[in-house]
Structures are given as structure tokens and as C-alpha cells.
């Protein structure tokens, strides 16, 4: 297998892994509902939990993160064929494609989730210590505000900074991915950002007012 073919196969597999709409499938199988028709219409863990399936929300979070980790792990095994440091580039790009697969899944008309959990799995594999630090940032912001979206945005930005500072490899393509994935996650929260600015973003766990 030539390096070019290896890259194409690896990135295609990473995209397809990321594109598995786990939240949609879990809600469809266990509740016989379309999660896109409830709440924010998102297929991610937060909306799955808000739809009334907190257990399914946790399962979605774990499986979405697993998609990202498995995609990078697969790239690591494929990278043994081309050697390092080129292999780090392949791993990072596989992580990016897994996140893109989740955000723009081919199975749902290229409409998917916001990529937070899948990005978490990717970065836990690539930069575990920095990722756990970002999880702490998420927990603090969420505890103070009860906004999942705000916690996701702040922790994503913090993760990019931490990875750029503490990754001693400093490979250009890898650094680009460190910025691109959090940036994509933040951009995917554009509607949440508008609601946060307008003070209309719902806090997690808040009950809707009766009409």
C-alpha cells in the first residue's frame, strides 16, 4: 500500500467512524423517536439527555467519544507502515475527519452534532493530560453557569491553547488540527452563542415554563 492510498483509506475510515449517528440510533432504537424532532434537534448527548433519556445521553457521550478515540487508534496502527514523525500527522488528521464525520454525517444528509464528545475522544488519545485539564475547565464553567454550551466553548478554546503550549513535537499539520477541531466545535455553537448573548440560552436541567 502506497503512502497516498494509506492516507486515503485511513481518513475515509475515520470519517465513517465519526459519521455513525449514535445519539440518533439510540433514541430511535430504545424510545422509537427521532431525537432531531425534540429540543434543539441536535443528535448529541446533551439533546439526547434533554429528550428524556439521561441514560441514553450518557451512552451517547461515551460512544461518541469512543468514535474519535478509535479513529485515531486506527490511524496509529496504519501509521506503523509509514513511520513517525509522519504518523503523528496521520493521527491528527484522522481525528479531524472523525469530528467532521460526526458534524456532517453522510447518513443524515450531512447534518449531525456539534462534535464535543467526538473531539473529546480524539484529544484524550492525542493529548490526554491537556484534555483532562480541559475537562476540569468544562466542569468549573458548567458548575458556575449551568450552561453546557458555554462550558463547551470555553473548554474547547482552552484545549487548543493547552495543546499548542505543551505539545513538544510542534509539527505544523498537527498544530493546525489542534486549532481546527476546537474552532469547528465553537463555530457549531453559533446559535448557542447568539442565545447566550441574548440571554435566552436554556440552562441544563431547567424546566420549561408552562404556556
N, C-alpha and C. Protein backbone atom coordinates (compact mmCIF):
# COMPACT_ATOMS: atom_id res chain seq x y z
N UNK A 1 0.84 -1.19 0.00
CA UNK A 1 0.00 0.00 0.00
C UNK A 1 0.89 1.25 0.00
N UNK A 2 0.67 2.12 -0.96
CA UNK A 2 1.47 3.34 -1.03
C UNK A 2 1.02 4.32 0.06
N UNK A 3 1.90 5.25 0.44
CA UNK A 3 1.51 6.24 1.46
C UNK A 3 0.24 7.00 1.10
N UNK A 4 0.07 7.33 -0.19
CA UNK A 4 -1.12 8.08 -0.60
C UNK A 4 -2.38 7.27 -0.37
N UNK A 5 -2.36 6.01 -0.78
CA UNK A 5 -3.52 5.13 -0.58
C UNK A 5 -3.78 4.92 0.91
N UNK A 6 -2.70 4.77 1.68
CA UNK A 6 -2.84 4.58 3.12
C UNK A 6 -3.54 5.79 3.75
N UNK A 7 -3.15 6.98 3.35
CA UNK A 7 -3.79 8.18 3.88
C UNK A 7 -5.27 8.23 3.51
N UNK A 8 -5.58 7.92 2.25
CA UNK A 8 -6.97 7.97 1.79
C UNK A 8 -7.82 6.96 2.56
N UNK A 9 -7.33 5.74 2.70
CA UNK A 9 -8.08 4.70 3.41
C UNK A 9 -8.29 5.09 4.87
N UNK A 10 -7.22 5.58 5.50
CA UNK A 10 -7.30 5.94 6.92
C UNK A 10 -8.29 7.07 7.17
N UNK A 11 -8.22 8.10 6.36
CA UNK A 11 -9.11 9.24 6.57
C UNK A 11 -10.55 8.90 6.23
N UNK A 12 -10.76 8.02 5.25
CA UNK A 12 -12.11 7.58 4.91
C UNK A 12 -12.71 6.77 6.06
N UNK A 13 -11.91 5.86 6.61
CA UNK A 13 -12.39 5.07 7.75
C UNK A 13 -12.69 5.97 8.94
N UNK A 14 -11.81 6.95 9.19
CA UNK A 14 -12.02 7.88 10.30
C UNK A 14 -13.32 8.66 10.12
N UNK A 15 -13.56 9.13 8.91
CA UNK A 15 -14.80 9.87 8.65
C UNK A 15 -16.02 8.98 8.88
N UNK A 16 -15.98 7.75 8.37
CA UNK A 16 -17.12 6.85 8.50
C UNK A 16 -17.37 6.46 9.96
N UNK A 17 -16.28 6.29 10.73
CA UNK A 17 -16.45 6.03 12.16
C UNK A 17 -17.13 7.21 12.84
N UNK A 18 -16.64 8.39 12.54
CA UNK A 18 -17.22 9.59 13.15
C UNK A 18 -18.65 9.83 12.71
N UNK A 19 -19.01 9.38 11.53
CA UNK A 19 -20.34 9.66 10.99
C UNK A 19 -21.44 8.77 11.56
N UNK A 20 -21.08 7.75 12.35
CA UNK A 20 -22.10 6.89 12.96
C UNK A 20 -22.94 7.75 13.90
N UNK A 21 -24.24 7.94 13.63
CA UNK A 21 -25.08 8.84 14.45
C UNK A 21 -25.59 8.14 15.70
N UNK A 22 -24.72 7.96 16.66
CA UNK A 22 -25.05 7.14 17.83
C UNK A 22 -26.26 7.65 18.60
N UNK A 23 -26.32 8.96 18.84
CA UNK A 23 -27.46 9.51 19.58
C UNK A 23 -28.77 9.26 18.85
N UNK A 24 -28.77 9.49 17.56
CA UNK A 24 -29.97 9.24 16.76
C UNK A 24 -30.38 7.77 16.83
N UNK A 25 -29.40 6.87 16.68
CA UNK A 25 -29.70 5.44 16.67
C UNK A 25 -30.19 4.96 18.03
N UNK A 26 -29.59 5.44 19.10
CA UNK A 26 -30.01 5.01 20.44
C UNK A 26 -31.44 5.44 20.75
N UNK A 27 -31.77 6.69 20.44
CA UNK A 27 -33.12 7.18 20.70
C UNK A 27 -34.13 6.48 19.80
N UNK A 28 -33.74 6.24 18.56
CA UNK A 28 -34.64 5.55 17.63
C UNK A 28 -34.90 4.12 18.09
N UNK A 29 -33.86 3.44 18.58
CA UNK A 29 -34.00 2.04 18.97
C UNK A 29 -34.73 1.87 20.31
N UNK A 30 -34.36 2.69 21.30
CA UNK A 30 -34.91 2.49 22.64
C UNK A 30 -36.19 3.27 22.91
N UNK A 31 -36.37 4.41 22.26
CA UNK A 31 -37.56 5.23 22.52
C UNK A 31 -38.47 5.36 21.32
N UNK A 32 -38.03 4.82 20.18
CA UNK A 32 -38.83 4.85 18.95
C UNK A 32 -39.19 6.29 18.57
N UNK A 33 -38.22 7.19 18.77
CA UNK A 33 -38.42 8.60 18.45
C UNK A 33 -37.25 9.10 17.61
N UNK A 34 -37.46 10.23 16.96
CA UNK A 34 -36.40 10.90 16.22
C UNK A 34 -35.90 12.05 17.08
N UNK A 35 -34.69 11.93 17.63
CA UNK A 35 -34.17 12.95 18.53
C UNK A 35 -34.07 14.31 17.86
N UNK A 36 -34.01 14.33 16.53
CA UNK A 36 -33.93 15.60 15.81
C UNK A 36 -35.23 16.39 15.88
N UNK A 37 -36.31 15.72 16.30
CA UNK A 37 -37.61 16.38 16.40
C UNK A 37 -37.87 16.94 17.79
N UNK A 38 -36.92 16.79 18.70
CA UNK A 38 -37.10 17.28 20.06
C UNK A 38 -35.97 18.24 20.44
N UNK A 39 -36.26 19.11 21.42
CA UNK A 39 -35.24 20.02 21.94
C UNK A 39 -34.60 20.86 20.85
N UNK A 40 -33.27 20.84 20.85
CA UNK A 40 -32.51 21.63 19.88
C UNK A 40 -32.45 20.98 18.51
N UNK A 41 -32.87 19.72 18.41
CA UNK A 41 -32.79 18.99 17.15
C UNK A 41 -31.43 18.39 16.91
N UNK A 42 -30.52 18.54 17.88
CA UNK A 42 -29.17 18.01 17.76
C UNK A 42 -29.15 16.53 18.10
N UNK A 43 -28.18 15.80 17.54
CA UNK A 43 -28.09 14.36 17.81
C UNK A 43 -27.06 14.04 18.90
N UNK A 44 -26.53 15.07 19.55
CA UNK A 44 -25.51 14.86 20.57
C UNK A 44 -26.06 14.48 21.92
N UNK A 45 -25.15 14.23 22.86
CA UNK A 45 -25.52 13.72 24.17
C UNK A 45 -26.43 14.66 24.95
N UNK A 46 -26.18 15.97 24.86
CA UNK A 46 -26.98 16.92 25.64
C UNK A 46 -28.44 16.89 25.23
N UNK A 47 -28.71 16.90 23.93
CA UNK A 47 -30.09 16.89 23.48
C UNK A 47 -30.74 15.53 23.71
N UNK A 48 -29.95 14.46 23.61
CA UNK A 48 -30.49 13.13 23.92
C UNK A 48 -30.93 13.08 25.38
N UNK A 49 -30.11 13.64 26.27
CA UNK A 49 -30.47 13.68 27.69
C UNK A 49 -31.69 14.55 27.92
N UNK A 50 -31.74 15.69 27.25
CA UNK A 50 -32.88 16.60 27.41
C UNK A 50 -34.17 16.00 26.88
N UNK A 51 -34.06 15.08 25.93
CA UNK A 51 -35.27 14.47 25.36
C UNK A 51 -35.92 13.51 26.34
N UNK A 52 -35.29 13.32 27.50
CA UNK A 52 -35.89 12.45 28.50
C UNK A 52 -35.12 11.18 28.73
N UNK A 53 -34.01 11.02 28.05
CA UNK A 53 -33.24 9.80 28.20
C UNK A 53 -31.86 10.08 28.75
N UNK A 54 -31.76 10.34 30.07
CA UNK A 54 -30.47 10.68 30.66
C UNK A 54 -29.47 9.53 30.52
N UNK A 55 -29.96 8.31 30.67
CA UNK A 55 -29.08 7.15 30.47
C UNK A 55 -28.60 7.07 29.04
N UNK A 56 -29.51 7.36 28.11
CA UNK A 56 -29.13 7.36 26.70
C UNK A 56 -28.17 8.51 26.40
N UNK A 57 -28.33 9.61 27.13
CA UNK A 57 -27.41 10.73 26.95
C UNK A 57 -25.99 10.36 27.35
N UNK A 58 -25.86 9.65 28.46
CA UNK A 58 -24.54 9.20 28.90
C UNK A 58 -23.96 8.21 27.91
N UNK A 59 -24.80 7.29 27.43
CA UNK A 59 -24.34 6.31 26.45
C UNK A 59 -23.89 6.99 25.17
N UNK A 60 -24.62 8.02 24.76
CA UNK A 60 -24.24 8.78 23.56
C UNK A 60 -22.90 9.46 23.75
N UNK A 61 -22.70 10.07 24.91
CA UNK A 61 -21.44 10.73 25.21
C UNK A 61 -20.27 9.75 25.12
N UNK A 62 -20.42 8.59 25.73
CA UNK A 62 -19.34 7.60 25.74
C UNK A 62 -19.07 7.08 24.34
N UNK A 63 -20.12 6.73 23.61
CA UNK A 63 -19.94 6.16 22.27
C UNK A 63 -19.40 7.20 21.29
N UNK A 64 -19.85 8.43 21.41
CA UNK A 64 -19.34 9.48 20.51
C UNK A 64 -17.85 9.74 20.78
N UNK A 65 -17.47 9.72 22.05
CA UNK A 65 -16.05 9.88 22.38
C UNK A 65 -15.25 8.69 21.87
N UNK A 66 -15.84 7.51 21.99
CA UNK A 66 -15.15 6.30 21.55
C UNK A 66 -14.90 6.33 20.04
N UNK A 67 -15.83 6.91 19.28
CA UNK A 67 -15.63 7.03 17.84
C UNK A 67 -14.34 7.78 17.52
N UNK A 68 -14.13 8.89 18.22
CA UNK A 68 -12.94 9.68 17.99
C UNK A 68 -11.67 8.96 18.38
N UNK A 69 -11.70 8.29 19.53
CA UNK A 69 -10.52 7.57 20.00
C UNK A 69 -10.18 6.40 19.09
N UNK A 70 -11.19 5.67 18.64
CA UNK A 70 -10.95 4.52 17.76
C UNK A 70 -10.40 4.98 16.42
N UNK A 71 -10.90 6.10 15.91
CA UNK A 71 -10.40 6.62 14.63
C UNK A 71 -8.92 6.96 14.70
N UNK A 72 -8.50 7.59 15.81
CA UNK A 72 -7.09 7.93 15.97
C UNK A 72 -6.25 6.68 16.22
N UNK A 73 -6.81 5.73 16.98
CA UNK A 73 -6.10 4.47 17.22
C UNK A 73 -5.88 3.70 15.92
N UNK A 74 -6.90 3.70 15.07
CA UNK A 74 -6.77 3.04 13.76
C UNK A 74 -5.67 3.72 12.95
N UNK A 75 -5.64 5.04 13.00
CA UNK A 75 -4.60 5.78 12.27
C UNK A 75 -3.22 5.45 12.81
N UNK A 76 -3.11 5.27 14.13
CA UNK A 76 -1.82 4.93 14.73
C UNK A 76 -1.32 3.59 14.18
N UNK A 77 -2.22 2.62 14.09
CA UNK A 77 -1.83 1.31 13.56
C UNK A 77 -1.44 1.41 12.08
N UNK A 78 -2.17 2.19 11.33
CA UNK A 78 -1.84 2.38 9.92
C UNK A 78 -0.51 3.12 9.78
N UNK A 79 -0.25 4.04 10.71
CA UNK A 79 0.96 4.85 10.63
C UNK A 79 2.23 4.03 10.82
N UNK A 80 2.11 2.84 11.40
CA UNK A 80 3.28 2.00 11.56
C UNK A 80 3.90 1.64 10.21
N UNK A 81 3.08 1.72 9.17
CA UNK A 81 3.56 1.40 7.83
C UNK A 81 4.42 2.51 7.23
N UNK A 82 4.20 3.75 7.68
CA UNK A 82 4.94 4.86 7.09
C UNK A 82 5.94 5.45 8.06
N UNK A 83 5.82 5.08 9.34
CA UNK A 83 6.77 5.56 10.34
C UNK A 83 6.47 6.94 10.85
N UNK A 84 7.16 7.29 11.93
CA UNK A 84 6.99 8.60 12.54
C UNK A 84 8.21 9.47 12.22
N UNK A 85 8.11 10.79 12.19
CA UNK A 85 7.02 11.60 12.71
C UNK A 85 5.82 11.77 11.78
N UNK A 86 5.88 11.25 10.53
CA UNK A 86 4.75 11.42 9.61
C UNK A 86 3.47 10.82 10.19
N UNK A 87 3.62 9.81 11.02
CA UNK A 87 2.47 9.15 11.60
C UNK A 87 1.65 10.05 12.49
N UNK A 88 2.30 11.02 13.17
CA UNK A 88 1.56 11.94 14.02
C UNK A 88 0.60 12.79 13.18
N UNK A 89 1.07 13.18 12.00
CA UNK A 89 0.20 13.93 11.09
C UNK A 89 -1.04 13.12 10.74
N UNK A 90 -0.83 11.84 10.46
CA UNK A 90 -1.95 10.97 10.08
C UNK A 90 -2.93 10.82 11.24
N UNK A 91 -2.42 10.63 12.44
CA UNK A 91 -3.29 10.51 13.61
C UNK A 91 -4.14 11.76 13.80
N UNK A 92 -3.48 12.91 13.74
CA UNK A 92 -4.19 14.17 13.95
C UNK A 92 -5.26 14.39 12.89
N UNK A 93 -4.91 14.12 11.63
CA UNK A 93 -5.88 14.30 10.56
C UNK A 93 -7.04 13.31 10.67
N UNK A 94 -6.75 12.10 11.13
CA UNK A 94 -7.82 11.12 11.35
C UNK A 94 -8.79 11.63 12.41
N UNK A 95 -8.24 12.26 13.45
CA UNK A 95 -9.10 12.84 14.47
C UNK A 95 -9.98 13.94 13.91
N UNK A 96 -9.41 14.77 13.06
CA UNK A 96 -10.18 15.85 12.43
C UNK A 96 -11.29 15.27 11.56
N UNK A 97 -10.99 14.24 10.80
CA UNK A 97 -12.00 13.64 9.93
C UNK A 97 -13.09 12.93 10.72
N UNK A 98 -12.74 12.38 11.87
CA UNK A 98 -13.76 11.76 12.71
C UNK A 98 -14.74 12.81 13.23
N UNK A 99 -14.20 13.95 13.63
CA UNK A 99 -15.06 15.04 14.11
C UNK A 99 -15.93 15.57 12.97
N UNK A 100 -15.33 15.72 11.78
CA UNK A 100 -16.12 16.16 10.62
C UNK A 100 -17.21 15.16 10.29
N UNK A 101 -16.90 13.87 10.44
CA UNK A 101 -17.90 12.84 10.19
C UNK A 101 -19.08 12.97 11.14
N UNK A 102 -18.79 13.28 12.40
CA UNK A 102 -19.87 13.45 13.38
C UNK A 102 -20.70 14.70 13.07
N UNK A 103 -20.03 15.76 12.71
CA UNK A 103 -20.73 17.03 12.43
C UNK A 103 -21.53 16.98 11.14
N UNK A 104 -20.98 16.26 10.15
CA UNK A 104 -21.60 16.21 8.82
C UNK A 104 -21.72 14.75 8.39
N UNK A 105 -22.60 14.03 9.07
CA UNK A 105 -22.72 12.61 8.81
C UNK A 105 -23.46 12.33 7.50
N UNK A 106 -22.89 11.47 6.72
CA UNK A 106 -23.47 11.12 5.42
C UNK A 106 -24.80 10.43 5.59
N UNK A 107 -25.03 9.80 6.76
CA UNK A 107 -26.25 9.02 6.97
C UNK A 107 -27.46 9.89 7.28
N UNK A 108 -27.24 11.15 7.64
CA UNK A 108 -28.36 12.04 7.98
C UNK A 108 -28.32 13.31 7.13
N UNK A 109 -27.98 13.14 5.87
CA UNK A 109 -27.97 14.28 4.95
C UNK A 109 -26.91 15.30 5.29
N UNK A 110 -25.77 14.83 5.82
CA UNK A 110 -24.64 15.69 6.18
C UNK A 110 -24.99 16.71 7.25
N UNK A 111 -25.93 16.32 8.12
CA UNK A 111 -26.26 17.14 9.29
C UNK A 111 -26.09 16.28 10.53
N UNK A 112 -25.28 16.73 11.45
CA UNK A 112 -25.00 15.91 12.62
C UNK A 112 -24.94 16.72 13.89
N UNK A 113 -23.99 16.36 14.77
CA UNK A 113 -23.87 17.01 16.06
C UNK A 113 -22.83 18.10 16.06
N UNK A 114 -22.50 18.56 17.26
CA UNK A 114 -21.55 19.67 17.41
C UNK A 114 -20.13 19.21 17.65
N UNK A 115 -19.94 17.92 17.82
CA UNK A 115 -18.59 17.37 17.84
C UNK A 115 -17.85 17.39 19.16
N UNK A 116 -18.51 17.81 20.25
CA UNK A 116 -17.80 17.94 21.53
C UNK A 116 -17.29 16.60 22.03
N UNK A 117 -18.18 15.60 22.09
CA UNK A 117 -17.78 14.30 22.63
C UNK A 117 -16.77 13.60 21.72
N UNK A 118 -16.98 13.67 20.42
CA UNK A 118 -16.03 13.05 19.49
C UNK A 118 -14.67 13.71 19.58
N UNK A 119 -14.66 15.03 19.68
CA UNK A 119 -13.39 15.75 19.88
C UNK A 119 -12.73 15.33 21.19
N UNK A 120 -13.54 15.11 22.21
CA UNK A 120 -13.01 14.66 23.50
C UNK A 120 -12.26 13.35 23.34
N UNK A 121 -12.85 12.40 22.60
CA UNK A 121 -12.19 11.12 22.38
C UNK A 121 -10.91 11.26 21.59
N UNK A 122 -10.92 12.13 20.60
CA UNK A 122 -9.73 12.38 19.78
C UNK A 122 -8.59 12.92 20.65
N UNK A 123 -8.89 13.94 21.43
CA UNK A 123 -7.84 14.59 22.21
C UNK A 123 -7.40 13.75 23.41
N UNK A 124 -8.30 12.92 23.94
CA UNK A 124 -7.88 12.02 25.02
C UNK A 124 -6.81 11.06 24.52
N UNK A 125 -6.89 10.70 23.26
CA UNK A 125 -5.88 9.81 22.66
C UNK A 125 -4.61 10.58 22.34
N UNK A 126 -4.76 11.78 21.77
CA UNK A 126 -3.60 12.54 21.31
C UNK A 126 -2.87 13.25 22.45
N UNK A 127 -3.62 13.91 23.31
CA UNK A 127 -3.04 14.75 24.38
C UNK A 127 -3.86 14.55 25.66
N UNK A 128 -3.72 13.42 26.33
CA UNK A 128 -4.59 13.09 27.47
C UNK A 128 -4.52 14.07 28.64
N UNK A 129 -3.34 14.47 29.04
CA UNK A 129 -3.21 15.36 30.20
C UNK A 129 -3.88 16.70 29.94
N UNK A 130 -3.62 17.27 28.77
CA UNK A 130 -4.21 18.56 28.41
C UNK A 130 -5.73 18.44 28.29
N UNK A 131 -6.19 17.29 27.79
CA UNK A 131 -7.63 17.08 27.64
C UNK A 131 -8.32 16.99 28.99
N UNK A 132 -7.70 16.30 29.95
CA UNK A 132 -8.27 16.22 31.29
C UNK A 132 -8.31 17.60 31.94
N UNK A 133 -7.32 18.42 31.65
CA UNK A 133 -7.34 19.80 32.15
C UNK A 133 -8.51 20.57 31.55
N UNK A 134 -8.78 20.34 30.26
CA UNK A 134 -9.92 21.00 29.61
C UNK A 134 -11.24 20.51 30.19
N UNK A 135 -11.29 19.23 30.57
CA UNK A 135 -12.50 18.68 31.21
C UNK A 135 -12.75 19.39 32.54
N UNK A 136 -11.67 19.68 33.28
CA UNK A 136 -11.79 20.42 34.54
C UNK A 136 -12.33 21.82 34.27
N UNK A 137 -11.83 22.45 33.20
CA UNK A 137 -12.33 23.77 32.82
C UNK A 137 -13.83 23.70 32.51
N UNK A 138 -14.22 22.67 31.76
CA UNK A 138 -15.63 22.47 31.43
C UNK A 138 -16.45 22.35 32.71
N UNK A 139 -15.99 21.52 33.64
CA UNK A 139 -16.73 21.27 34.88
C UNK A 139 -16.90 22.54 35.69
N UNK A 140 -15.84 23.36 35.75
CA UNK A 140 -15.90 24.60 36.53
C UNK A 140 -16.90 25.58 35.91
N UNK A 141 -16.79 25.77 34.59
CA UNK A 141 -17.69 26.71 33.92
C UNK A 141 -19.13 26.24 34.02
N UNK A 142 -19.34 24.94 33.84
CA UNK A 142 -20.70 24.40 33.92
C UNK A 142 -21.26 24.54 35.34
N UNK A 143 -20.43 24.24 36.35
CA UNK A 143 -20.88 24.35 37.74
C UNK A 143 -21.28 25.78 38.08
N UNK A 144 -20.58 26.74 37.52
CA UNK A 144 -20.84 28.14 37.82
C UNK A 144 -22.04 28.70 37.05
N UNK A 145 -22.26 28.18 35.83
CA UNK A 145 -23.27 28.79 34.96
C UNK A 145 -24.45 27.88 34.60
N UNK A 146 -24.23 26.56 34.64
CA UNK A 146 -25.23 25.57 34.20
C UNK A 146 -25.50 25.65 32.70
N UNK A 147 -24.59 26.29 31.96
CA UNK A 147 -24.70 26.33 30.51
C UNK A 147 -23.73 25.31 29.91
N UNK A 148 -24.26 24.24 29.32
CA UNK A 148 -23.41 23.25 28.66
C UNK A 148 -22.69 23.88 27.49
N UNK A 149 -23.39 24.72 26.74
CA UNK A 149 -22.80 25.34 25.54
C UNK A 149 -21.62 26.23 25.92
N UNK A 150 -21.78 27.07 26.93
CA UNK A 150 -20.70 27.96 27.33
C UNK A 150 -19.50 27.17 27.84
N UNK A 151 -19.77 26.14 28.61
CA UNK A 151 -18.69 25.29 29.12
C UNK A 151 -17.95 24.61 27.97
N UNK A 152 -18.70 24.18 26.95
CA UNK A 152 -18.09 23.53 25.79
C UNK A 152 -17.21 24.50 25.02
N UNK A 153 -17.70 25.70 24.83
CA UNK A 153 -16.95 26.71 24.07
C UNK A 153 -15.67 27.11 24.79
N UNK A 154 -15.77 27.39 26.08
CA UNK A 154 -14.60 27.83 26.85
C UNK A 154 -13.56 26.71 26.94
N UNK A 155 -14.02 25.49 27.20
CA UNK A 155 -13.08 24.37 27.33
C UNK A 155 -12.44 24.03 25.99
N UNK A 156 -13.18 24.18 24.89
CA UNK A 156 -12.61 23.93 23.56
C UNK A 156 -11.49 24.93 23.27
N UNK A 157 -11.73 26.19 23.56
CA UNK A 157 -10.70 27.20 23.35
C UNK A 157 -9.49 26.95 24.25
N UNK A 158 -9.76 26.59 25.49
CA UNK A 158 -8.67 26.29 26.42
C UNK A 158 -7.86 25.09 25.98
N UNK A 159 -8.53 24.07 25.44
CA UNK A 159 -7.83 22.87 24.99
C UNK A 159 -6.87 23.19 23.85
N UNK A 160 -7.30 24.01 22.91
CA UNK A 160 -6.42 24.39 21.80
C UNK A 160 -5.16 25.07 22.32
N UNK A 161 -5.32 25.98 23.26
CA UNK A 161 -4.17 26.70 23.82
C UNK A 161 -3.25 25.74 24.55
N UNK A 162 -3.81 24.85 25.36
CA UNK A 162 -3.00 23.90 26.13
C UNK A 162 -2.19 22.99 25.22
N UNK A 163 -2.83 22.50 24.15
CA UNK A 163 -2.13 21.60 23.24
C UNK A 163 -1.00 22.30 22.51
N UNK A 164 -1.25 23.53 22.08
CA UNK A 164 -0.21 24.28 21.38
C UNK A 164 0.98 24.57 22.29
N UNK A 165 0.70 24.79 23.57
CA UNK A 165 1.77 25.12 24.50
C UNK A 165 2.58 23.89 24.90
N UNK A 166 1.91 22.78 25.15
CA UNK A 166 2.59 21.64 25.78
C UNK A 166 2.96 20.50 24.84
N UNK A 167 2.54 20.54 23.57
CA UNK A 167 2.97 19.50 22.64
C UNK A 167 4.38 19.84 22.14
N UNK A 168 5.34 19.04 22.56
CA UNK A 168 6.75 19.33 22.23
C UNK A 168 7.11 18.99 20.79
N UNK A 169 6.22 18.28 20.08
CA UNK A 169 6.54 17.91 18.69
C UNK A 169 6.51 19.13 17.77
N UNK A 170 5.54 20.00 17.97
CA UNK A 170 5.40 21.23 17.20
C UNK A 170 5.46 20.97 15.69
N UNK A 171 4.67 19.98 15.24
CA UNK A 171 4.52 19.75 13.80
C UNK A 171 3.40 20.63 13.28
N UNK A 172 3.63 21.26 12.15
CA UNK A 172 2.69 22.27 11.65
C UNK A 172 1.29 21.69 11.44
N UNK A 173 1.20 20.54 10.77
CA UNK A 173 -0.12 19.97 10.48
C UNK A 173 -0.84 19.58 11.77
N UNK A 174 -0.10 19.02 12.71
CA UNK A 174 -0.70 18.63 13.99
C UNK A 174 -1.19 19.87 14.73
N UNK A 175 -0.39 20.93 14.74
CA UNK A 175 -0.80 22.17 15.40
C UNK A 175 -2.05 22.75 14.75
N UNK A 176 -2.13 22.65 13.42
CA UNK A 176 -3.32 23.14 12.71
C UNK A 176 -4.56 22.38 13.17
N UNK A 177 -4.43 21.06 13.34
CA UNK A 177 -5.55 20.25 13.80
C UNK A 177 -5.94 20.62 15.24
N UNK A 178 -4.93 20.91 16.07
CA UNK A 178 -5.21 21.32 17.45
C UNK A 178 -6.09 22.57 17.50
N UNK A 179 -5.95 23.42 16.51
CA UNK A 179 -6.76 24.63 16.44
C UNK A 179 -8.06 24.38 15.69
N UNK A 180 -7.99 23.60 14.61
CA UNK A 180 -9.15 23.41 13.73
C UNK A 180 -10.31 22.71 14.43
N UNK A 181 -10.01 21.66 15.20
CA UNK A 181 -11.11 20.92 15.83
C UNK A 181 -11.84 21.79 16.86
N UNK A 182 -11.15 22.43 17.80
CA UNK A 182 -11.87 23.32 18.73
C UNK A 182 -12.60 24.46 18.01
N UNK A 183 -12.00 24.98 16.94
CA UNK A 183 -12.65 26.06 16.20
C UNK A 183 -13.94 25.57 15.56
N UNK A 184 -13.92 24.37 15.00
CA UNK A 184 -15.13 23.80 14.42
C UNK A 184 -16.21 23.61 15.48
N UNK A 185 -15.80 23.14 16.64
CA UNK A 185 -16.75 22.96 17.74
C UNK A 185 -17.38 24.29 18.13
N UNK A 186 -16.56 25.33 18.22
CA UNK A 186 -17.08 26.65 18.59
C UNK A 186 -18.02 27.19 17.51
N UNK A 187 -17.63 27.05 16.25
CA UNK A 187 -18.47 27.52 15.15
C UNK A 187 -19.82 26.79 15.14
N UNK A 188 -19.79 25.50 15.47
CA UNK A 188 -21.02 24.72 15.52
C UNK A 188 -21.97 25.21 16.62
N UNK A 189 -21.42 25.97 17.56
CA UNK A 189 -22.23 26.52 18.64
C UNK A 189 -22.70 27.94 18.34
N UNK A 190 -22.70 28.33 17.07
CA UNK A 190 -23.02 29.72 16.72
C UNK A 190 -24.40 30.13 17.20
N UNK A 191 -25.36 29.21 17.10
CA UNK A 191 -26.72 29.54 17.57
C UNK A 191 -26.74 29.69 19.09
N UNK A 192 -25.98 28.85 19.77
CA UNK A 192 -25.90 28.96 21.23
C UNK A 192 -25.25 30.27 21.64
N UNK A 193 -24.23 30.68 20.88
CA UNK A 193 -23.55 31.95 21.19
C UNK A 193 -24.54 33.11 21.07
N UNK A 194 -25.36 33.08 20.03
CA UNK A 194 -26.37 34.14 19.86
C UNK A 194 -27.35 34.16 21.03
N UNK A 195 -27.79 32.96 21.45
CA UNK A 195 -28.72 32.89 22.57
C UNK A 195 -28.07 33.31 23.88
N UNK A 196 -26.78 32.96 24.05
CA UNK A 196 -26.07 33.40 25.26
C UNK A 196 -25.99 34.92 25.31
N UNK A 197 -25.70 35.53 24.17
CA UNK A 197 -25.61 36.99 24.11
C UNK A 197 -26.96 37.65 24.36
N UNK A 198 -28.03 36.96 23.92
CA UNK A 198 -29.39 37.49 24.10
C UNK A 198 -30.01 37.04 25.41
N UNK A 199 -29.25 36.24 26.17
CA UNK A 199 -29.72 35.71 27.46
C UNK A 199 -30.97 34.85 27.32
N UNK A 200 -31.05 34.11 26.22
CA UNK A 200 -32.17 33.20 26.01
C UNK A 200 -31.74 31.74 25.97
N UNK A 201 -30.45 31.48 26.21
CA UNK A 201 -29.95 30.11 26.20
C UNK A 201 -30.46 29.37 27.44
N UNK A 202 -31.09 28.20 27.26
CA UNK A 202 -31.59 27.45 28.43
C UNK A 202 -30.45 26.83 29.23
N UNK A 203 -30.58 26.89 30.54
CA UNK A 203 -29.61 26.22 31.40
C UNK A 203 -29.95 24.75 31.48
N UNK A 204 -28.93 23.92 31.61
CA UNK A 204 -29.15 22.48 31.67
C UNK A 204 -29.97 22.14 32.91
N UNK A 205 -31.01 21.35 32.68
CA UNK A 205 -31.85 20.90 33.80
C UNK A 205 -32.98 21.83 34.11
N UNK A 206 -33.00 23.04 33.48
CA UNK A 206 -34.08 23.98 33.74
C UNK A 206 -35.37 23.51 33.08
N UNK A 207 -36.46 23.60 33.79
CA UNK A 207 -37.74 23.18 33.26
C UNK A 207 -38.37 24.30 32.45
N UNK A 208 -39.01 23.92 31.36
CA UNK A 208 -39.68 24.92 30.54
C UNK A 208 -40.91 25.45 31.26
N UNK A 209 -41.13 26.76 31.10
CA UNK A 209 -42.30 27.36 31.71
C UNK A 209 -43.56 26.94 30.98
N UNK A 210 -44.60 26.74 31.74
CA UNK A 210 -45.88 26.37 31.14
C UNK A 210 -46.45 27.56 30.41
N UNK A 211 -47.07 27.28 29.27
CA UNK A 211 -47.67 28.36 28.49
C UNK A 211 -48.96 28.84 29.14
